[in-house]
């Protein structure tokens, strides 16, 4: 399942996906759901798009 190895967050990619202890807002559910307790805002949402290159 190659799609699981692609990071959905540009910030996490820049940090080499070493963000398991960093509060990332809505992305926290992807990396470490336990950090979601630190989210101070009432609402948090994120939208992303990945262009997949297949069959190369």
N, C-alpha and C. Protein backbone atom coordinates (compact mmCIF):
# COMPACT_ATOMS: atom_id res chain seq x y z
N UNK A 1 0.84 -1.18 0.00
CA UNK A 1 0.00 0.00 0.00
C UNK A 1 0.88 1.24 0.00
N UNK A 2 1.29 1.63 -1.18
CA UNK A 2 2.20 2.74 -1.34
C UNK A 2 1.61 4.06 -0.84
N UNK A 3 0.29 4.22 -0.91
CA UNK A 3 -0.33 5.48 -0.52
C UNK A 3 -0.14 5.79 0.96
N UNK A 4 0.14 4.80 1.78
CA UNK A 4 0.34 5.03 3.21
C UNK A 4 1.69 5.66 3.52
N UNK A 5 2.62 5.63 2.57
CA UNK A 5 3.95 6.18 2.80
C UNK A 5 4.08 7.64 2.36
N UNK A 6 3.05 8.22 1.79
CA UNK A 6 3.09 9.61 1.35
C UNK A 6 2.49 10.49 2.44
N UNK A 7 3.23 11.49 2.84
CA UNK A 7 2.79 12.39 3.90
C UNK A 7 1.72 13.35 3.39
N UNK A 8 0.61 13.51 4.11
CA UNK A 8 -0.42 14.45 3.68
C UNK A 8 -0.12 15.90 4.07
N UNK A 9 0.92 16.13 4.84
CA UNK A 9 1.23 17.46 5.34
C UNK A 9 2.59 17.94 4.84
N UNK A 10 2.63 19.16 4.31
CA UNK A 10 3.90 19.72 3.84
C UNK A 10 4.84 19.98 5.02
N UNK A 11 4.28 20.42 6.13
CA UNK A 11 5.10 20.67 7.32
C UNK A 11 5.75 19.38 7.82
N UNK A 12 4.97 18.32 7.88
CA UNK A 12 5.52 17.04 8.33
C UNK A 12 6.57 16.51 7.37
N UNK A 13 6.37 16.71 6.08
CA UNK A 13 7.37 16.28 5.09
C UNK A 13 8.67 17.04 5.28
N UNK A 14 8.57 18.33 5.56
CA UNK A 14 9.76 19.14 5.79
C UNK A 14 10.51 18.70 7.04
N UNK A 15 9.79 18.14 8.00
CA UNK A 15 10.41 17.65 9.23
C UNK A 15 10.72 16.15 9.16
N UNK A 16 10.78 15.61 7.95
CA UNK A 16 11.06 14.18 7.71
C UNK A 16 10.06 13.27 8.40
N UNK A 17 8.82 13.70 8.51
CA UNK A 17 7.74 12.94 9.14
C UNK A 17 8.03 12.59 10.60
N UNK A 18 8.89 13.34 11.24
CA UNK A 18 9.20 13.11 12.65
C UNK A 18 8.35 14.06 13.50
N UNK A 19 7.06 13.90 13.46
CA UNK A 19 6.15 14.83 14.13
C UNK A 19 5.18 14.11 15.08
N UNK A 20 5.56 12.97 15.60
CA UNK A 20 4.63 12.23 16.45
C UNK A 20 4.34 12.94 17.76
N UNK A 21 5.21 13.86 18.19
CA UNK A 21 4.95 14.58 19.43
C UNK A 21 4.59 16.05 19.20
N UNK A 22 4.45 16.45 17.94
CA UNK A 22 4.13 17.83 17.59
C UNK A 22 2.64 17.96 17.35
N UNK A 23 2.02 18.97 17.96
CA UNK A 23 0.59 19.21 17.74
C UNK A 23 0.43 19.81 16.36
N UNK A 24 -0.33 19.12 15.48
CA UNK A 24 -0.46 19.53 14.09
C UNK A 24 -1.90 19.86 13.70
N UNK A 25 -2.76 20.14 14.65
CA UNK A 25 -4.15 20.45 14.32
C UNK A 25 -4.88 19.24 13.80
N UNK A 26 -5.57 19.38 12.69
CA UNK A 26 -6.36 18.28 12.14
C UNK A 26 -5.48 17.13 11.67
N UNK A 27 -4.23 17.40 11.32
CA UNK A 27 -3.32 16.33 10.90
C UNK A 27 -2.91 15.44 12.06
N UNK A 28 -3.18 15.83 13.28
CA UNK A 28 -2.81 15.02 14.44
C UNK A 28 -3.46 13.65 14.39
N UNK A 29 -4.64 13.55 13.83
CA UNK A 29 -5.34 12.26 13.74
C UNK A 29 -4.57 11.28 12.87
N UNK A 30 -3.81 11.78 11.91
CA UNK A 30 -3.03 10.91 11.02
C UNK A 30 -1.73 10.45 11.68
N UNK A 31 -1.04 11.37 12.36
CA UNK A 31 0.28 11.06 12.91
C UNK A 31 0.23 10.49 14.32
N UNK A 32 -0.49 11.12 15.22
CA UNK A 32 -0.58 10.65 16.60
C UNK A 32 -1.87 11.20 17.21
N UNK A 33 -2.92 10.41 17.25
CA UNK A 33 -4.21 10.88 17.77
C UNK A 33 -4.15 11.38 19.21
N UNK A 34 -3.18 10.95 19.99
CA UNK A 34 -3.07 11.39 21.38
C UNK A 34 -2.75 12.87 21.49
N UNK A 35 -2.13 13.47 20.47
CA UNK A 35 -1.81 14.90 20.53
C UNK A 35 -3.02 15.78 20.25
N UNK A 36 -4.14 15.19 19.88
CA UNK A 36 -5.34 15.99 19.60
C UNK A 36 -5.90 16.64 20.86
N UNK A 37 -5.53 16.16 22.05
CA UNK A 37 -6.01 16.78 23.28
C UNK A 37 -5.39 18.16 23.48
N UNK A 38 -4.29 18.47 22.79
CA UNK A 38 -3.63 19.76 22.92
C UNK A 38 -4.18 20.82 21.98
N UNK A 39 -5.11 20.47 21.12
CA UNK A 39 -5.68 21.45 20.19
C UNK A 39 -6.56 22.41 20.98
N UNK A 40 -6.25 23.70 20.90
CA UNK A 40 -6.98 24.70 21.69
C UNK A 40 -8.18 25.28 20.96
N UNK A 41 -8.19 25.22 19.64
CA UNK A 41 -9.32 25.78 18.89
C UNK A 41 -10.51 24.82 18.92
N UNK A 42 -11.70 25.37 18.78
CA UNK A 42 -12.90 24.56 18.83
C UNK A 42 -13.05 23.70 17.58
N UNK A 43 -12.66 24.25 16.42
CA UNK A 43 -12.77 23.53 15.16
C UNK A 43 -11.41 23.48 14.48
N UNK A 44 -11.17 22.39 13.79
CA UNK A 44 -9.93 22.25 13.03
C UNK A 44 -10.23 21.39 11.81
N UNK A 45 -9.85 21.89 10.65
CA UNK A 45 -10.09 21.15 9.41
C UNK A 45 -8.90 21.34 8.48
N UNK A 46 -8.75 20.42 7.57
CA UNK A 46 -7.67 20.51 6.60
C UNK A 46 -8.12 19.92 5.27
N UNK A 47 -7.59 20.47 4.20
CA UNK A 47 -7.90 19.99 2.86
C UNK A 47 -6.57 19.81 2.13
N UNK A 48 -6.42 18.70 1.45
CA UNK A 48 -5.18 18.46 0.72
C UNK A 48 -5.43 17.71 -0.56
N UNK A 49 -4.45 17.75 -1.43
CA UNK A 49 -4.53 17.06 -2.71
C UNK A 49 -3.16 16.50 -3.04
N UNK A 50 -3.13 15.26 -3.52
CA UNK A 50 -1.88 14.62 -3.90
C UNK A 50 -2.03 14.12 -5.33
N UNK A 51 -1.11 14.51 -6.20
CA UNK A 51 -1.10 14.03 -7.57
C UNK A 51 -0.27 12.76 -7.61
N UNK A 52 -0.90 11.64 -7.83
CA UNK A 52 -0.22 10.35 -7.83
C UNK A 52 0.38 10.06 -9.20
N UNK A 53 1.63 9.62 -9.22
CA UNK A 53 2.28 9.17 -10.44
C UNK A 53 2.31 7.65 -10.36
N UNK A 54 1.64 6.98 -11.28
CA UNK A 54 1.56 5.52 -11.22
C UNK A 54 2.15 4.88 -12.46
N UNK A 55 2.46 3.64 -12.35
CA UNK A 55 2.95 2.81 -13.46
C UNK A 55 4.20 3.37 -14.12
N UNK A 56 5.15 3.79 -13.33
CA UNK A 56 6.42 4.27 -13.89
C UNK A 56 7.48 3.22 -13.64
